[in-house]
Amino acid sequence: MISAHPESGARTVKSRCEWCGSDPLYVSYHDAEWGVPVHGDQRLFETLILQGAQAGLSWFTILRKREDYRRAFDRFQVKSVAAYTERDVQRLSNDPGIVRNRLKIEAAVRNARAVVEIQEKYGSLDDFIWRYVDHTPRQNAWESISQLPARTEQSDRMSSDLKKLGLSFVGPTICYAFMQAVGMVNDHTVDCYRYQEIKALAQ
């Protein structure tokens, strides 16, 4: 991505992770959000549900629909979604702004109810989720996008634990994508300008 210096007009090139391409929405997500440590149950729940919605699709597809998802799912307030009824499931199934996959919609409601139980048992989803990295973002040092793993021991354990608690669409690969998105791991490649910036957030 090339940008002009506001004073000199000189053009500089920022090196970014290859996966973000050049679409402004994707570049913005890469620059401002991906890999930044996320805390707070509402935001973590949102990301978990959206990563599940991505199954079989591209993240870009979900990212373009994110504002519609927030509208449709009451901004991902956990207790609100947990209280959804069949009528809400039908409403969501007819909403053109989201992925109208009934299995994923029903899973989102069940997952919300499971998260309420996690909150009651562990205090918060935040504490439960971040313990998989000992509450400290892991700093990787990948030189190429081809080196990034699709799953890790931590995502495998997270997936297994979440499934035991009744959540679905939380396979190991989905869990690792979630970990990347919420900054539990820094998976920007070392040549990306965001790598050092994200690393500094953990210090």
Foldseek 3Di string as FASTA:
>chain_A
DWDADPPPRDIDDFDFAVVQPPDPLSVCCRVPFFQAADADQQVLLLLLLLLLLCVVHDNVVSSVLSVVVCVLQVNRPLVSLLPDDVVSLVVQLPDPSGPNDSVSSVLSNQLSVLQVVCCVVVVHVRVVLLVLLPVFAAEDAAQHPVPDDLFDPSLCVVLVVSVVSPHPSSHRSSSVSSCRRNNSYPPIHPSGPCNVVSVVSRD
